[in-house]
N, C-alpha and C. Protein backbone atom coordinates (compact mmCIF):
# COMPACT_ATOMS: atom_id res chain seq x y z
N MET A 1 97.06 115.71 144.60
CA MET A 1 97.93 116.53 145.42
C MET A 1 99.36 116.00 145.32
N SER A 2 100.33 116.88 145.08
CA SER A 2 101.72 116.48 145.01
C SER A 2 102.27 116.22 146.40
N GLN A 3 103.06 115.19 146.48
CA GLN A 3 103.68 114.85 147.75
C GLN A 3 105.03 115.56 147.87
N PRO A 4 105.32 116.16 149.02
CA PRO A 4 106.59 116.85 149.19
C PRO A 4 107.73 115.86 149.46
N LEU A 5 108.86 116.15 148.84
CA LEU A 5 110.04 115.32 148.98
C LEU A 5 111.16 116.20 149.50
N LEU A 6 111.91 115.69 150.45
CA LEU A 6 113.03 116.41 151.04
C LEU A 6 114.32 115.71 150.66
N GLN A 7 115.29 116.48 150.20
CA GLN A 7 116.61 115.95 149.87
C GLN A 7 117.62 116.61 150.79
N VAL A 8 118.35 115.79 151.56
CA VAL A 8 119.37 116.29 152.47
C VAL A 8 120.69 115.65 152.08
N ASN A 9 121.71 116.48 151.91
CA ASN A 9 123.05 115.99 151.59
C ASN A 9 124.05 116.68 152.51
N PHE A 10 125.14 115.98 152.80
CA PHE A 10 126.19 116.58 153.62
C PHE A 10 127.50 115.82 153.42
N THR A 11 128.56 116.46 153.85
CA THR A 11 129.88 115.84 153.86
C THR A 11 130.08 115.23 155.23
N LEU A 12 130.66 114.05 155.26
CA LEU A 12 130.90 113.37 156.54
C LEU A 12 132.17 113.90 157.20
N GLY A 13 132.06 114.19 158.47
CA GLY A 13 133.22 114.60 159.27
C GLY A 13 133.74 113.46 160.11
N VAL A 14 133.24 112.26 159.85
CA VAL A 14 133.66 111.04 160.56
C VAL A 14 133.79 109.94 159.52
N PRO A 15 134.48 108.85 159.85
CA PRO A 15 134.53 107.72 158.92
C PRO A 15 133.13 107.18 158.62
N ALA A 16 132.94 106.65 157.42
CA ALA A 16 131.64 106.13 156.99
C ALA A 16 131.13 105.05 157.95
N ALA A 17 132.01 104.23 158.47
CA ALA A 17 131.59 103.17 159.39
C ALA A 17 130.99 103.77 160.66
N ASP A 18 131.57 104.85 161.16
CA ASP A 18 131.02 105.51 162.35
C ASP A 18 129.66 106.13 162.03
N TYR A 19 129.55 106.72 160.85
CA TYR A 19 128.27 107.30 160.43
C TYR A 19 127.20 106.22 160.32
N ALA A 20 127.54 105.09 159.71
CA ALA A 20 126.58 103.99 159.57
C ALA A 20 126.10 103.51 160.93
N GLN A 21 126.99 103.47 161.89
CA GLN A 21 126.60 103.06 163.25
C GLN A 21 125.64 104.09 163.86
N MET A 22 125.91 105.37 163.64
CA MET A 22 125.00 106.41 164.13
C MET A 22 123.62 106.24 163.52
N CYS A 23 123.59 105.96 162.22
CA CYS A 23 122.31 105.80 161.51
C CYS A 23 121.50 104.63 162.06
N ALA A 24 122.19 103.54 162.32
CA ALA A 24 121.50 102.36 162.84
C ALA A 24 120.79 102.67 164.15
N GLY A 25 121.39 103.54 164.95
CA GLY A 25 120.78 103.92 166.21
C GLY A 25 119.63 104.91 166.07
N LEU A 26 119.50 105.52 164.89
CA LEU A 26 118.46 106.52 164.68
C LEU A 26 117.30 106.07 163.80
N ALA A 27 117.43 104.93 163.16
CA ALA A 27 116.41 104.49 162.19
C ALA A 27 115.02 104.44 162.80
N ASP A 28 114.87 103.91 163.99
CA ASP A 28 113.55 103.83 164.62
C ASP A 28 113.00 105.22 164.93
N THR A 29 113.88 106.14 165.29
CA THR A 29 113.45 107.51 165.57
C THR A 29 112.88 108.15 164.31
N PHE A 30 113.57 107.98 163.18
CA PHE A 30 113.07 108.53 161.92
C PHE A 30 111.78 107.82 161.50
N ALA A 31 111.68 106.54 161.73
CA ALA A 31 110.48 105.79 161.36
C ALA A 31 109.25 106.32 162.10
N ALA A 32 109.44 106.94 163.24
CA ALA A 32 108.33 107.43 164.04
C ALA A 32 107.98 108.90 163.76
N VAL A 33 108.66 109.54 162.82
CA VAL A 33 108.37 110.94 162.50
C VAL A 33 106.95 111.05 161.93
N PRO A 34 106.10 111.86 162.54
CA PRO A 34 104.73 112.01 162.05
C PRO A 34 104.71 112.53 160.61
N GLY A 35 103.94 111.86 159.76
CA GLY A 35 103.77 112.28 158.39
C GLY A 35 104.86 111.85 157.44
N LEU A 36 105.90 111.18 157.93
CA LEU A 36 106.96 110.69 157.06
C LEU A 36 106.52 109.35 156.47
N ARG A 37 106.39 109.29 155.15
CA ARG A 37 106.00 108.04 154.49
C ARG A 37 107.18 107.09 154.42
N TRP A 38 108.36 107.62 154.01
CA TRP A 38 109.56 106.80 153.98
C TRP A 38 110.79 107.69 153.91
N LYS A 39 111.90 107.11 154.26
CA LYS A 39 113.21 107.76 154.14
C LYS A 39 114.16 106.75 153.52
N THR A 40 114.93 107.21 152.53
CA THR A 40 116.00 106.41 151.96
C THR A 40 117.31 107.04 152.41
N TRP A 41 118.14 106.25 153.05
CA TRP A 41 119.45 106.70 153.52
C TRP A 41 120.45 106.52 152.37
N ILE A 42 121.26 107.54 152.10
CA ILE A 42 122.21 107.46 150.99
C ILE A 42 123.63 107.71 151.48
N LEU A 43 124.59 107.02 150.85
CA LEU A 43 126.00 107.13 151.25
C LEU A 43 126.88 106.95 150.03
N ASN A 44 127.85 107.84 149.88
CA ASN A 44 128.89 107.72 148.87
C ASN A 44 130.20 107.74 149.64
N GLU A 45 130.64 106.57 150.03
CA GLU A 45 131.82 106.46 150.89
C GLU A 45 133.07 107.02 150.21
N GLN A 46 133.21 106.82 148.90
CA GLN A 46 134.39 107.29 148.18
C GLN A 46 134.48 108.83 148.19
N GLN A 47 133.34 109.50 148.13
CA GLN A 47 133.32 110.97 148.15
C GLN A 47 133.10 111.54 149.54
N ASN A 48 132.96 110.66 150.53
CA ASN A 48 132.74 111.07 151.92
C ASN A 48 131.47 111.92 152.06
N GLU A 49 130.41 111.50 151.35
CA GLU A 49 129.14 112.21 151.37
C GLU A 49 128.02 111.25 151.79
N ALA A 50 126.99 111.84 152.34
CA ALA A 50 125.83 111.04 152.75
C ALA A 50 124.61 111.96 152.76
N GLY A 51 123.48 111.38 153.10
CA GLY A 51 122.26 112.16 153.19
C GLY A 51 121.03 111.28 153.21
N GLY A 52 119.94 111.85 152.77
CA GLY A 52 118.69 111.11 152.76
C GLY A 52 117.68 111.73 151.82
N ILE A 53 116.76 110.90 151.37
CA ILE A 53 115.62 111.33 150.57
C ILE A 53 114.38 110.93 151.37
N TYR A 54 113.51 111.89 151.62
CA TYR A 54 112.35 111.68 152.47
C TYR A 54 111.08 112.01 151.70
N LEU A 55 110.07 111.20 151.84
CA LEU A 55 108.76 111.51 151.26
C LEU A 55 107.78 111.73 152.40
N PHE A 56 107.12 112.89 152.38
CA PHE A 56 106.16 113.24 153.43
C PHE A 56 104.74 113.19 152.88
N GLU A 57 103.79 113.01 153.74
CA GLU A 57 102.39 112.95 153.31
C GLU A 57 101.81 114.33 153.02
N SER A 58 102.44 115.37 153.57
CA SER A 58 101.93 116.73 153.36
C SER A 58 103.05 117.74 153.57
N GLU A 59 102.82 118.93 153.03
CA GLU A 59 103.77 120.03 153.23
C GLU A 59 103.85 120.39 154.71
N ALA A 60 102.72 120.33 155.40
CA ALA A 60 102.71 120.64 156.83
C ALA A 60 103.58 119.67 157.61
N ALA A 61 103.50 118.38 157.28
CA ALA A 61 104.33 117.38 157.98
C ALA A 61 105.82 117.62 157.71
N LEU A 62 106.14 117.96 156.46
CA LEU A 62 107.53 118.26 156.12
C LEU A 62 108.02 119.48 156.90
N GLN A 63 107.24 120.53 156.94
CA GLN A 63 107.64 121.74 157.66
C GLN A 63 107.75 121.48 159.17
N ASP A 64 106.83 120.68 159.72
CA ASP A 64 106.93 120.31 161.14
C ASP A 64 108.24 119.60 161.41
N TYR A 65 108.62 118.69 160.50
CA TYR A 65 109.90 117.99 160.66
C TYR A 65 111.07 118.96 160.59
N LEU A 66 111.09 119.83 159.56
CA LEU A 66 112.19 120.77 159.40
C LEU A 66 112.32 121.74 160.57
N ASN A 67 111.20 122.06 161.22
CA ASN A 67 111.21 122.98 162.35
C ASN A 67 111.35 122.27 163.69
N GLY A 68 111.47 120.94 163.66
CA GLY A 68 111.51 120.17 164.89
C GLY A 68 112.92 119.83 165.36
N PRO A 69 112.99 119.14 166.49
CA PRO A 69 114.29 118.85 167.11
C PRO A 69 115.17 117.87 166.32
N LEU A 70 114.58 116.94 165.60
CA LEU A 70 115.38 115.96 164.86
C LEU A 70 116.14 116.64 163.72
N ALA A 71 115.46 117.50 162.97
CA ALA A 71 116.13 118.23 161.89
C ALA A 71 117.16 119.20 162.46
N ALA A 72 116.87 119.80 163.58
CA ALA A 72 117.84 120.71 164.20
C ALA A 72 119.13 119.98 164.54
N GLN A 73 119.03 118.72 164.93
CA GLN A 73 120.22 117.93 165.27
C GLN A 73 121.09 117.70 164.05
N PHE A 74 120.50 117.31 162.91
CA PHE A 74 121.37 117.04 161.76
C PHE A 74 121.90 118.33 161.16
N LYS A 75 121.19 119.43 161.31
CA LYS A 75 121.67 120.70 160.77
C LYS A 75 122.88 121.23 161.55
N THR A 76 123.02 120.81 162.80
CA THR A 76 124.10 121.34 163.64
C THR A 76 125.06 120.27 164.14
N HIS A 77 124.87 119.03 163.74
CA HIS A 77 125.73 117.95 164.24
C HIS A 77 127.17 118.15 163.76
N PRO A 78 128.15 118.07 164.65
CA PRO A 78 129.54 118.33 164.26
C PRO A 78 130.12 117.30 163.28
N ALA A 79 129.51 116.13 163.15
CA ALA A 79 130.00 115.12 162.22
C ALA A 79 129.42 115.28 160.82
N LEU A 80 128.45 116.18 160.66
CA LEU A 80 127.78 116.40 159.37
C LEU A 80 128.10 117.82 158.91
N LEU A 81 128.88 117.93 157.86
CA LEU A 81 129.38 119.22 157.40
C LEU A 81 128.72 119.61 156.08
N ASN A 82 128.67 120.91 155.81
CA ASN A 82 128.14 121.42 154.54
C ASN A 82 126.75 120.87 154.25
N VAL A 83 125.87 120.93 155.21
CA VAL A 83 124.52 120.38 155.08
C VAL A 83 123.72 121.18 154.05
N SER A 84 123.11 120.46 153.11
CA SER A 84 122.23 121.05 152.11
C SER A 84 120.84 120.44 152.29
N VAL A 85 119.83 121.30 152.38
CA VAL A 85 118.45 120.87 152.56
C VAL A 85 117.62 121.47 151.43
N LYS A 86 116.99 120.61 150.62
CA LYS A 86 116.18 121.08 149.50
C LYS A 86 114.82 120.40 149.53
N VAL A 87 113.79 121.17 149.25
CA VAL A 87 112.42 120.67 149.22
C VAL A 87 111.94 120.66 147.77
N PHE A 88 111.31 119.55 147.38
CA PHE A 88 110.77 119.37 146.05
C PHE A 88 109.35 118.84 146.15
N THR A 89 108.62 118.88 145.04
CA THR A 89 107.37 118.14 144.95
C THR A 89 107.60 117.01 143.96
N VAL A 90 106.95 115.90 144.20
CA VAL A 90 107.08 114.73 143.35
C VAL A 90 106.23 114.92 142.10
N MET A 91 106.81 114.66 140.96
CA MET A 91 106.08 114.66 139.70
C MET A 91 105.43 113.27 139.59
N GLU A 92 104.25 113.15 140.18
CA GLU A 92 103.64 111.84 140.38
C GLU A 92 103.30 111.11 139.09
N ASP A 93 102.83 111.82 138.08
CA ASP A 93 102.40 111.14 136.86
C ASP A 93 103.56 110.37 136.22
N VAL A 94 104.69 111.01 136.02
CA VAL A 94 105.81 110.32 135.39
C VAL A 94 106.57 109.43 136.37
N SER A 95 106.55 109.79 137.64
CA SER A 95 107.23 108.95 138.65
C SER A 95 106.55 107.59 138.79
N THR A 96 105.23 107.57 138.65
CA THR A 96 104.50 106.31 138.70
C THR A 96 104.89 105.41 137.52
N ILE A 97 105.05 106.01 136.36
CA ILE A 97 105.46 105.23 135.17
C ILE A 97 106.81 104.58 135.40
N THR A 98 107.71 105.29 136.08
CA THR A 98 109.07 104.75 136.29
C THR A 98 109.20 104.01 137.63
N ARG A 99 108.06 103.59 138.17
CA ARG A 99 107.97 102.72 139.33
C ARG A 99 108.46 103.32 140.65
N ALA A 100 108.36 104.63 140.80
CA ALA A 100 108.68 105.24 142.09
C ALA A 100 107.70 104.70 143.12
N PRO A 101 108.13 104.55 144.37
CA PRO A 101 107.27 103.93 145.38
C PRO A 101 106.16 104.85 145.91
N ILE A 102 105.84 105.90 145.19
CA ILE A 102 104.84 106.84 145.69
C ILE A 102 103.42 106.33 145.61
N ALA A 103 103.10 105.52 144.61
CA ALA A 103 101.72 105.05 144.45
C ALA A 103 101.27 104.22 145.63
N ALA A 104 102.16 103.39 146.14
CA ALA A 104 101.83 102.56 147.29
C ALA A 104 101.68 103.37 148.56
N ALA A 105 102.27 104.57 148.57
CA ALA A 105 102.24 105.40 149.77
C ALA A 105 101.02 106.29 149.85
N VAL A 106 100.29 106.44 148.77
CA VAL A 106 99.15 107.35 148.76
C VAL A 106 97.99 106.79 149.53
């Protein structure tokens, strides 16, 4: 079964340092999301962009997250502009060869 992966990108409407502080306060909340195997937080300070890559255990868990209150907050947060949300499936066979952390999560 392919694992669903969520890619979220946005432009920062606040300085990167302020965004990093916001993230630090939310990490435990994201860690408790049902069905979330892991989240990687991404930041490109020079381009004023940030986002995250999320691996879920199932499509249902991903959809529950996208339809829940936490996703609603980032989709409408005034400090996060031009939000892009894309859903993918992991190509597990080749990702395992290139050492993606999916094998340990299965």
